[in-house]
Amino acid sequence: KSTIVALLAKAFVKRGFMVLVIDSDKSNITLHKMIGVDAPSSTL
């Protein structure tokens, strides 16, 4: 799931879309690394 989300987010951004990714997975909070942003200060 995280891999698919990261690839989709990057593809949409590359095509000029504004993208908001919300990760509600409480057991694996590494999606931010996959999309290349800083870790959130707090979780959802």
All heavy atoms as atom14 arrays in JSON, in Angstrom:
{
  "sequence": "KSTIVALLAKAFVKRGFMVLVIDSDKSNITLHKMIGVDAPSSTL",
  "atom14_mask": [
    [1, 1, 1, 1, 1, 1, 1, 1, 1, 0, 0, 0, 0, 0],
    [1, 1, 1, 1, 1, 1, 0, 0, 0, 0, 0, 0, 0, 0],
    [1, 1, 1, 1, 1, 1, 1, 0, 0, 0, 0, 0, 0, 0],
    [1, 1, 1, 1, 1, 1, 1, 1, 0, 0, 0, 0, 0, 0],
    [1, 1, 1, 1, 1, 1, 1, 0, 0, 0, 0, 0, 0, 0],
    [1, 1, 1, 1, 1, 0, 0, 0, 0, 0, 0, 0, 0, 0],
    [1, 1, 1, 1, 1, 1, 1, 1, 0, 0, 0, 0, 0, 0],
    [1, 1, 1, 1, 1, 1, 1, 1, 0, 0, 0, 0, 0, 0],
    [1, 1, 1, 1, 1, 0, 0, 0, 0, 0, 0, 0, 0, 0],
    [1, 1, 1, 1, 1, 1, 1, 1, 1, 0, 0, 0, 0, 0],
    [1, 1, 1, 1, 1, 0, 0, 0, 0, 0, 0, 0, 0, 0],
    [1, 1, 1, 1, 1, 1, 1, 1, 1, 1, 1, 0, 0, 0],
    [1, 1, 1, 1, 1, 1, 1, 0, 0, 0, 0, 0, 0, 0],
    [1, 1, 1, 1, 1, 1, 1, 1, 1, 0, 0, 0, 0, 0],
    [1, 1, 1, 1, 1, 1, 1, 1, 1, 1, 1, 0, 0, 0],
    [1, 1, 1, 1, 0, 0, 0, 0, 0, 0, 0, 0, 0, 0],
    [1, 1, 1, 1, 1, 1, 1, 1, 1, 1, 1, 0, 0, 0],
    [1, 1, 1, 1, 1, 1, 1, 1, 0, 0, 0, 0, 0, 0],
    [1, 1, 1, 1, 1, 1, 1, 0, 0, 0, 0, 0, 0, 0],
    [1, 1, 1, 1, 1, 1, 1, 1, 0, 0, 0, 0, 0, 0],
    [1, 1, 1, 1, 1, 1, 1, 0, 0, 0, 0, 0, 0, 0],
    [1, 1, 1, 1, 1, 1, 1, 1, 0, 0, 0, 0, 0, 0],
    [1, 1, 1, 1, 1, 1, 1, 1, 0, 0, 0, 0, 0, 0],
    [1, 1, 1, 1, 1, 1, 0, 0, 0, 0, 0, 0, 0, 0],
    [1, 1, 1, 1, 1, 1, 1, 1, 0, 0, 0, 0, 0, 0],
    [1, 1, 1, 1, 1, 1, 1, 1, 1, 0, 0, 0, 0, 0],
    [1, 1, 1, 1, 1, 1, 0, 0, 0, 0, 0, 0, 0, 0],
    [1, 1, 1, 1, 1, 1, 1, 1, 0, 0, 0, 0, 0, 0],
    [1, 1, 1, 1, 1, 1, 1, 1, 0, 0, 0, 0, 0, 0],
    [1, 1, 1, 1, 1, 1, 1, 0, 0, 0, 0, 0, 0, 0],
    [1, 1, 1, 1, 1, 1, 1, 1, 0, 0, 0, 0, 0, 0],
    [1, 1, 1, 1, 1, 1, 1, 1, 1, 1, 0, 0, 0, 0],
    [1, 1, 1, 1, 1, 1, 1, 1, 1, 0, 0, 0, 0, 0],
    [1, 1, 1, 1, 1, 1, 1, 1, 0, 0, 0, 0, 0, 0],
    [1, 1, 1, 1, 1, 1, 1, 1, 0, 0, 0, 0, 0, 0],
    [1, 1, 1, 1, 0, 0, 0, 0, 0, 0, 0, 0, 0, 0],
    [1, 1, 1, 1, 1, 1, 1, 0, 0, 0, 0, 0, 0, 0],
    [1, 1, 1, 1, 1, 1, 1, 1, 0, 0, 0, 0, 0, 0],
    [1, 1, 1, 1, 1, 0, 0, 0, 0, 0, 0, 0, 0, 0],
    [1, 1, 1, 1, 1, 1, 1, 0, 0, 0, 0, 0, 0, 0],
    [1, 1, 1, 1, 1, 1, 0, 0, 0, 0, 0, 0, 0, 0],
    [1, 1, 1, 1, 1, 1, 0, 0, 0, 0, 0, 0, 0, 0],
    [1, 1, 1, 1, 1, 1, 1, 0, 0, 0, 0, 0, 0, 0],
    [1, 1, 1, 1, 1, 1, 1, 1, 0, 0, 0, 0, 0, 0]
  ],
  "atom14_positions": [
    [[0.82, -1.22, 0.0], [0.0, 0.0, 0.0], [0.85, 1.26, 0.0], [0.62, 2.17, -0.8], [-0.93, 0.02, 1.22], [-1.93, -1.12, 1.28], [-2.73, -1.09, 2.57], [-1.9, -1.24, 3.81], [-1.25, -2.53, 4.01], [0.0, 0.0, 0.0], [0.0, 0.0, 0.0], [0.0, 0.0, 0.0], [0.0, 0.0, 0.0], [0.0, 0.0, 0.0]],
    [[1.83, 1.32, 0.87], [2.67, 2.53, 0.97], [3.44, 2.76, -0.32], [3.58, 3.9, -0.77], [3.64, 2.41, 2.14], [2.94, 2.39, 3.36], [0.0, 0.0, 0.0], [0.0, 0.0, 0.0], [0.0, 0.0, 0.0], [0.0, 0.0, 0.0], [0.0, 0.0, 0.0], [0.0, 0.0, 0.0], [0.0, 0.0, 0.0], [0.0, 0.0, 0.0]],
    [[3.92, 1.71, -0.92], [4.65, 1.84, -2.19], [3.74, 2.39, -3.28], [4.12, 3.32, -4.02], [5.22, 0.48, -2.62], [6.09, 0.0, -1.59], [5.99, 0.58, -3.92], [0.0, 0.0, 0.0], [0.0, 0.0, 0.0], [0.0, 0.0, 0.0], [0.0, 0.0, 0.0], [0.0, 0.0, 0.0], [0.0, 0.0, 0.0], [0.0, 0.0, 0.0]],
    [[2.54, 1.85, -3.39], [1.58, 2.32, -4.39], [1.23, 3.79, -4.15], [1.2, 4.59, -5.09], [0.29, 1.46, -4.36], [0.6, 0.04, -4.83], [-0.82, 2.08, -5.19], [1.07, -0.07, -6.26], [0.0, 0.0, 0.0], [0.0, 0.0, 0.0], [0.0, 0.0, 0.0], [0.0, 0.0, 0.0], [0.0, 0.0, 0.0], [0.0, 0.0, 0.0]],
    [[0.98, 4.16, -2.9], [0.63, 5.54, -2.57], [1.78, 6.48, -2.93], [1.57, 7.54, -3.53], [0.25, 5.68, -1.09], [0.18, 7.14, -0.67], [-1.07, 4.99, -0.83], [0.0, 0.0, 0.0], [0.0, 0.0, 0.0], [0.0, 0.0, 0.0], [0.0, 0.0, 0.0], [0.0, 0.0, 0.0], [0.0, 0.0, 0.0], [0.0, 0.0, 0.0]],
    [[3.01, 6.1, -2.59], [4.16, 6.94, -2.89], [4.33, 7.12, -4.4], [4.56, 8.24, -4.88], [5.42, 6.33, -2.29], [0.0, 0.0, 0.0], [0.0, 0.0, 0.0], [0.0, 0.0, 0.0], [0.0, 0.0, 0.0], [0.0, 0.0, 0.0], [0.0, 0.0, 0.0], [0.0, 0.0, 0.0], [0.0, 0.0, 0.0], [0.0, 0.0, 0.0]],
    [[4.2, 6.05, -5.15], [4.34, 6.13, -6.6], [3.22, 6.97, -7.23], [3.49, 7.79, -8.12], [4.37, 4.73, -7.21], [5.6, 3.89, -6.88], [5.42, 2.45, -7.34], [6.86, 4.5, -7.49], [0.0, 0.0, 0.0], [0.0, 0.0, 0.0], [0.0, 0.0, 0.0], [0.0, 0.0, 0.0], [0.0, 0.0, 0.0], [0.0, 0.0, 0.0]],
    [[1.99, 6.77, -6.77], [0.88, 7.58, -7.29], [1.06, 9.06, -6.96], [0.85, 9.92, -7.81], [-0.46, 7.09, -6.72], [-1.03, 5.81, -7.31], [-2.24, 5.34, -6.5], [-1.42, 6.02, -8.76], [0.0, 0.0, 0.0], [0.0, 0.0, 0.0], [0.0, 0.0, 0.0], [0.0, 0.0, 0.0], [0.0, 0.0, 0.0], [0.0, 0.0, 0.0]],
    [[1.43, 9.35, -5.72], [1.63, 10.75, -5.3], [2.69, 11.42, -6.16], [2.5, 12.54, -6.65], [2.0, 10.81, -3.82], [0.0, 0.0, 0.0], [0.0, 0.0, 0.0], [0.0, 0.0, 0.0], [0.0, 0.0, 0.0], [0.0, 0.0, 0.0], [0.0, 0.0, 0.0], [0.0, 0.0, 0.0], [0.0, 0.0, 0.0], [0.0, 0.0, 0.0]],
    [[3.81, 10.75, -6.34], [4.89, 11.32, -7.16], [4.45, 11.52, -8.6], [4.78, 12.53, -9.23], [6.12, 10.43, -7.09], [6.82, 10.5, -5.74], [8.03, 9.59, -5.69], [8.72, 9.66, -4.35], [9.94, 8.85, -4.31], [0.0, 0.0, 0.0], [0.0, 0.0, 0.0], [0.0, 0.0, 0.0], [0.0, 0.0, 0.0], [0.0, 0.0, 0.0]],
    [[3.7, 10.57, -9.15], [3.22, 10.69, -10.53], [2.26, 11.86, -10.68], [2.34, 12.61, -11.66], [2.56, 9.38, -10.96], [0.0, 0.0, 0.0], [0.0, 0.0, 0.0], [0.0, 0.0, 0.0], [0.0, 0.0, 0.0], [0.0, 0.0, 0.0], [0.0, 0.0, 0.0], [0.0, 0.0, 0.0], [0.0, 0.0, 0.0], [0.0, 0.0, 0.0]],
    [[1.34, 12.03, -9.73], [0.4, 13.14, -9.8], [1.11, 14.48, -9.66], [0.78, 15.44, -10.37], [-0.7, 13.01, -8.74], [-1.74, 11.97, -9.06], [-2.12, 11.03, -8.13], [-2.35, 11.95, -10.3], [-3.09, 10.08, -8.42], [-3.33, 11.01, -10.61], [-3.7, 10.07, -9.66], [0.0, 0.0, 0.0], [0.0, 0.0, 0.0], [0.0, 0.0, 0.0]],
    [[2.05, 14.59, -8.75], [2.81, 15.84, -8.58], [3.58, 16.17, -9.87], [3.59, 17.31, -10.32], [3.77, 15.75, -7.37], [4.77, 16.89, -7.38], [2.98, 15.74, -6.07], [0.0, 0.0, 0.0], [0.0, 0.0, 0.0], [0.0, 0.0, 0.0], [0.0, 0.0, 0.0], [0.0, 0.0, 0.0], [0.0, 0.0, 0.0], [0.0, 0.0, 0.0]],
    [[4.18, 15.16, -10.46], [4.94, 15.35, -11.7], [4.04, 15.89, -12.82], [4.5, 16.62, -13.68], [5.57, 14.02, -12.11], [6.53, 14.12, -13.26], [7.2, 12.78, -13.52], [8.2, 12.89, -14.63], [8.89, 11.61, -14.85], [0.0, 0.0, 0.0], [0.0, 0.0, 0.0], [0.0, 0.0, 0.0], [0.0, 0.0, 0.0], [0.0, 0.0, 0.0]],
    [[2.77, 15.54, -12.78], [1.82, 16.0, -13.79], [1.13, 17.31, -13.41], [0.19, 17.74, -14.06], [0.79, 14.91, -14.05], [1.38, 13.76, -14.85], [0.49, 12.54, -14.85], [1.03, 11.46, -15.65], [2.02, 10.65, -15.29], [2.63, 10.83, -14.12], [2.44, 9.67, -16.06], [0.0, 0.0, 0.0], [0.0, 0.0, 0.0], [0.0, 0.0, 0.0]],
    [[1.59, 17.93, -12.32], [1.1, 19.25, -11.95], [-0.05, 19.29, -10.96], [-0.57, 20.36, -10.68], [0.0, 0.0, 0.0], [0.0, 0.0, 0.0], [0.0, 0.0, 0.0], [0.0, 0.0, 0.0], [0.0, 0.0, 0.0], [0.0, 0.0, 0.0], [0.0, 0.0, 0.0], [0.0, 0.0, 0.0], [0.0, 0.0, 0.0], [0.0, 0.0, 0.0]],
    [[-0.45, 18.16, -10.43], [-1.53, 18.13, -9.45], [-1.01, 18.48, -8.07], [0.14, 18.19, -7.74], [-2.18, 16.74, -9.38], [-2.97, 16.37, -10.59], [-2.38, 15.68, -11.64], [-4.31, 16.7, -10.69], [-3.09, 15.33, -12.76], [-5.05, 16.35, -11.8], [-4.44, 15.66, -12.85], [0.0, 0.0, 0.0], [0.0, 0.0, 0.0], [0.0, 0.0, 0.0]],
    [[-1.87, 19.09, -7.25], [-1.57, 19.28, -5.84], [-2.0, 18.0, -5.13], [-3.1, 17.5, -5.38], [-2.3, 20.48, -5.28], [-1.83, 21.79, -5.85], [-2.68, 23.2, -5.15], [-2.16, 23.12, -3.45], [0.0, 0.0, 0.0], [0.0, 0.0, 0.0], [0.0, 0.0, 0.0], [0.0, 0.0, 0.0], [0.0, 0.0, 0.0], [0.0, 0.0, 0.0]],
    [[-1.14, 17.48, -4.27], [-1.4, 16.18, -3.65], [-1.33, 16.3, -2.14], [-0.42, 16.92, -1.6], [-0.35, 15.13, -4.13], [-0.54, 13.81, -3.42], [-0.45, 14.95, -5.64], [0.0, 0.0, 0.0], [0.0, 0.0, 0.0], [0.0, 0.0, 0.0], [0.0, 0.0, 0.0], [0.0, 0.0, 0.0], [0.0, 0.0, 0.0], [0.0, 0.0, 0.0]],
    [[-2.29, 15.7, -1.47], [-2.3, 15.58, -0.01], [-2.33, 14.1, 0.31], [-3.25, 13.39, -0.11], [-3.52, 16.27, 0.6], [-3.76, 16.02, 2.09], [-2.61, 16.61, 2.92], [-5.09, 16.6, 2.51], [0.0, 0.0, 0.0], [0.0, 0.0, 0.0], [0.0, 0.0, 0.0], [0.0, 0.0, 0.0], [0.0, 0.0, 0.0], [0.0, 0.0, 0.0]],
    [[-1.33, 13.62, 1.02], [-1.27, 12.22, 1.42], [-1.5, 12.15, 2.92], [-0.81, 12.82, 3.7], [0.1, 11.59, 1.07], [0.19, 10.17, 1.59], [0.34, 11.62, -0.43], [0.0, 0.0, 0.0], [0.0, 0.0, 0.0], [0.0, 0.0, 0.0], [0.0, 0.0, 0.0], [0.0, 0.0, 0.0], [0.0, 0.0, 0.0], [0.0, 0.0, 0.0]],
    [[-2.47, 11.35, 3.32], [-2.77, 11.15, 4.74], [-2.52, 9.69, 5.05], [-3.14, 8.81, 4.46], [-4.22, 11.53, 5.08], [-4.47, 13.0, 4.74], [-4.52, 11.23, 6.54], [-5.89, 13.44, 4.89], [0.0, 0.0, 0.0], [0.0, 0.0, 0.0], [0.0, 0.0, 0.0], [0.0, 0.0, 0.0], [0.0, 0.0, 0.0], [0.0, 0.0, 0.0]],
    [[-1.6, 9.45, 5.98], [-1.26, 8.08, 6.37], [-1.87, 7.8, 7.73], [-1.48, 8.38, 8.73], [0.25, 7.92, 6.43], [0.7, 6.5, 6.68], [-0.17, 5.61, 6.79], [1.92, 6.27, 6.77], [0.0, 0.0, 0.0], [0.0, 0.0, 0.0], [0.0, 0.0, 0.0], [0.0, 0.0, 0.0], [0.0, 0.0, 0.0], [0.0, 0.0, 0.0]],
    [[-2.85, 6.91, 7.77], [-3.5, 6.59, 9.05], [-3.03, 5.25, 9.61], [-3.64, 4.71, 10.51], [-5.02, 6.58, 8.88], [-5.4, 5.57, 7.97], [0.0, 0.0, 0.0], [0.0, 0.0, 0.0], [0.0, 0.0, 0.0], [0.0, 0.0, 0.0], [0.0, 0.0, 0.0], [0.0, 0.0, 0.0], [0.0, 0.0, 0.0], [0.0, 0.0, 0.0]],
    [[-1.94, 4.73, 9.08], [-1.4, 3.46, 9.56], [-0.6, 3.71, 10.83], [0.48, 4.28, 10.8], [-0.51, 2.83, 8.5], [-0.03, 1.44, 8.85], [-0.18, 1.03, 10.03], [0.51, 0.76, 7.97], [0.0, 0.0, 0.0], [0.0, 0.0, 0.0], [0.0, 0.0, 0.0], [0.0, 0.0, 0.0], [0.0, 0.0, 0.0], [0.0, 0.0, 0.0]],
    [[-1.15, 3.28, 11.96], [-0.49, 3.55, 13.24], [0.69, 2.63, 13.5], [1.49, 2.88, 14.38], [-1.49, 3.46, 14.38], [-2.1, 2.09, 14.57], [-3.11, 2.11, 15.68], [-3.71, 0.72, 15.85], [-4.68, 0.68, 16.92], [0.0, 0.0, 0.0], [0.0, 0.0, 0.0], [0.0, 0.0, 0.0], [0.0, 0.0, 0.0], [0.0, 0.0, 0.0]],
    [[0.83, 1.56, 12.73], [1.91, 0.61, 13.0], [3.13, 0.82, 12.1], [4.2, 0.3, 12.39], [1.4, -0.83, 12.83], [1.0, -1.05, 11.49], [0.0, 0.0, 0.0], [0.0, 0.0, 0.0], [0.0, 0.0, 0.0], [0.0, 0.0, 0.0], [0.0, 0.0, 0.0], [0.0, 0.0, 0.0], [0.0, 0.0, 0.0], [0.0, 0.0, 0.0]],
    [[2.99, 1.57, 11.01], [4.1, 1.77, 10.09], [4.06, 3.19, 9.57], [3.44, 3.47, 8.55], [4.01, 0.77, 8.93], [5.15, 0.93, 7.94], [6.13, 1.6, 8.22], [5.0, 0.34, 6.77], [0.0, 0.0, 0.0], [0.0, 0.0, 0.0], [0.0, 0.0, 0.0], [0.0, 0.0, 0.0], [0.0, 0.0, 0.0], [0.0, 0.0, 0.0]],
    [[4.72, 4.08, 10.26], [4.66, 5.5, 9.87], [5.91, 5.91, 9.1], [6.62, 6.82, 9.48], [4.42, 6.4, 11.1], [5.48, 6.15, 12.17], [3.03, 6.2, 11.66], [5.46, 7.18, 13.28], [0.0, 0.0, 0.0], [0.0, 0.0, 0.0], [0.0, 0.0, 0.0], [0.0, 0.0, 0.0], [0.0, 0.0, 0.0], [0.0, 0.0, 0.0]],
    [[6.17, 5.24, 8.0], [7.36, 5.54, 7.19], [7.02, 6.08, 5.81], [7.9, 6.29, 5.0], [8.24, 4.3, 7.03], [7.46, 3.27, 6.39], [8.75, 3.81, 8.37], [0.0, 0.0, 0.0], [0.0, 0.0, 0.0], [0.0, 0.0, 0.0], [0.0, 0.0, 0.0], [0.0, 0.0, 0.0], [0.0, 0.0, 0.0], [0.0, 0.0, 0.0]],
    [[5.76, 6.32, 5.53], [5.36, 6.79, 4.21], [6.05, 8.11, 3.86], [6.42, 8.33, 2.71], [3.85, 6.92, 4.11], [3.28, 7.33, 2.76], [3.69, 6.36, 1.67], [1.77, 7.45, 2.83], [0.0, 0.0, 0.0], [0.0, 0.0, 0.0], [0.0, 0.0, 0.0], [0.0, 0.0, 0.0], [0.0, 0.0, 0.0], [0.0, 0.0, 0.0]],
    [[6.25, 8.97, 4.86], [6.91, 10.25, 4.59], [8.29, 10.06, 3.97], [8.69, 10.82, 3.1], [7.0, 11.09, 5.87], [7.93, 10.53, 6.89], [7.57, 9.51, 7.74], [9.22, 10.83, 7.18], [8.59, 9.22, 8.52], [9.6, 10.01, 8.2], [0.0, 0.0, 0.0], [0.0, 0.0, 0.0], [0.0, 0.0, 0.0], [0.0, 0.0, 0.0]],
    [[9.0, 9.02, 4.38], [10.32, 8.74, 3.8], [10.21, 8.35, 2.34], [11.03, 8.73, 1.51], [11.02, 7.62, 4.57], [11.42, 8.01, 5.98], [12.09, 6.85, 6.67], [12.43, 7.21, 8.11], [13.05, 6.08, 8.82], [0.0, 0.0, 0.0], [0.0, 0.0, 0.0], [0.0, 0.0, 0.0], [0.0, 0.0, 0.0], [0.0, 0.0, 0.0]],
    [[9.16, 7.61, 2.01], [8.98, 7.14, 0.64], [8.65, 8.26, -0.32], [9.0, 8.19, -1.5], [7.89, 6.07, 0.58], [8.21, 4.83, 1.38], [6.83, 3.7, 1.4], [7.43, 2.5, 0.22], [0.0, 0.0, 0.0], [0.0, 0.0, 0.0], [0.0, 0.0, 0.0], [0.0, 0.0, 0.0], [0.0, 0.0, 0.0], [0.0, 0.0, 0.0]],
    [[7.97, 9.3, 0.18], [7.63, 10.41, -0.71], [8.6, 11.59, -0.56], [8.46, 12.6, -1.23], [6.17, 10.87, -0.52], [5.88, 11.32, 0.9], [5.22, 9.78, -0.94], [4.48, 11.86, 1.11], [0.0, 0.0, 0.0], [0.0, 0.0, 0.0], [0.0, 0.0, 0.0], [0.0, 0.0, 0.0], [0.0, 0.0, 0.0], [0.0, 0.0, 0.0]],
    [[9.6, 11.43, 0.32], [10.67, 12.41, 0.41], [10.35, 13.67, 1.18], [10.82, 14.76, 0.81], [0.0, 0.0, 0.0], [0.0, 0.0, 0.0], [0.0, 0.0, 0.0], [0.0, 0.0, 0.0], [0.0, 0.0, 0.0], [0.0, 0.0, 0.0], [0.0, 0.0, 0.0], [0.0, 0.0, 0.0], [0.0, 0.0, 0.0], [0.0, 0.0, 0.0]],
    [[9.57, 13.56, 2.24], [9.28, 14.73, 3.08], [9.71, 14.45, 4.51], [9.95, 13.31, 4.89], [7.78, 15.12, 3.04], [7.35, 15.5, 1.63], [6.9, 14.01, 3.56], [0.0, 0.0, 0.0], [0.0, 0.0, 0.0], [0.0, 0.0, 0.0], [0.0, 0.0, 0.0], [0.0, 0.0, 0.0], [0.0, 0.0, 0.0], [0.0, 0.0, 0.0]],
    [[9.79, 15.51, 5.3], [10.15, 15.36, 6.71], [9.06, 14.63, 7.47], [7.88, 14.68, 7.11], [10.39, 16.72, 7.37], [11.61, 17.42, 6.81], [12.55, 16.73, 6.36], [11.62, 18.67, 6.84], [0.0, 0.0, 0.0], [0.0, 0.0, 0.0], [0.0, 0.0, 0.0], [0.0, 0.0, 0.0], [0.0, 0.0, 0.0], [0.0, 0.0, 0.0]],
    [[9.45, 13.99, 8.56], [8.48, 13.29, 9.41], [7.52, 14.3, 10.02], [7.91, 15.41, 10.38], [9.22, 12.54, 10.53], [0.0, 0.0, 0.0], [0.0, 0.0, 0.0], [0.0, 0.0, 0.0], [0.0, 0.0, 0.0], [0.0, 0.0, 0.0], [0.0, 0.0, 0.0], [0.0, 0.0, 0.0], [0.0, 0.0, 0.0], [0.0, 0.0, 0.0]],
    [[6.25, 13.93, 10.11], [5.29, 14.85, 10.73], [5.57, 15.02, 12.21], [6.09, 14.12, 12.87], [3.95, 14.16, 10.51], [4.28, 12.72, 10.31], [5.65, 12.67, 9.72], [0.0, 0.0, 0.0], [0.0, 0.0, 0.0], [0.0, 0.0, 0.0], [0.0, 0.0, 0.0], [0.0, 0.0, 0.0], [0.0, 0.0, 0.0], [0.0, 0.0, 0.0]],
    [[5.24, 16.19, 12.74], [5.47, 16.44, 14.17], [4.49, 15.65, 15.04], [4.78, 15.34, 16.18], [5.36, 17.93, 14.47], [4.09, 18.41, 14.08], [0.0, 0.0, 0.0], [0.0, 0.0, 0.0], [0.0, 0.0, 0.0], [0.0, 0.0, 0.0], [0.0, 0.0, 0.0], [0.0, 0.0, 0.0], [0.0, 0.0, 0.0], [0.0, 0.0, 0.0]],
    [[3.32, 15.36, 14.49], [2.36, 14.51, 15.18], [1.64, 13.67, 14.13], [1.64, 14.0, 12.96], [1.37, 15.33, 15.99], [0.62, 16.17, 15.15], [0.0, 0.0, 0.0], [0.0, 0.0, 0.0], [0.0, 0.0, 0.0], [0.0, 0.0, 0.0], [0.0, 0.0, 0.0], [0.0, 0.0, 0.0], [0.0, 0.0, 0.0], [0.0, 0.0, 0.0]],
    [[1.03, 12.6, 14.58], [0.35, 11.71, 13.65], [-1.12, 12.05, 13.56], [-1.67, 12.77, 14.4], [0.5, 10.24, 14.09], [-0.23, 10.05, 15.3], [1.95, 9.86, 14.28], [0.0, 0.0, 0.0], [0.0, 0.0, 0.0], [0.0, 0.0, 0.0], [0.0, 0.0, 0.0], [0.0, 0.0, 0.0], [0.0, 0.0, 0.0], [0.0, 0.0, 0.0]],
    [[-1.77, 11.5, 12.56], [-3.22, 11.67, 12.43], [-3.93, 11.13, 13.65], [-4.88, 11.72, 14.14], [-3.71, 10.95, 11.16], [-5.21, 11.01, 10.89], [-5.65, 12.45, 10.65], [-5.56, 10.14, 9.69], [0.0, 0.0, 0.0], [0.0, 0.0, 0.0], [0.0, 0.0, 0.0], [0.0, 0.0, 0.0], [0.0, 0.0, 0.0], [0.0, 0.0, 0.0]]
  ]
}
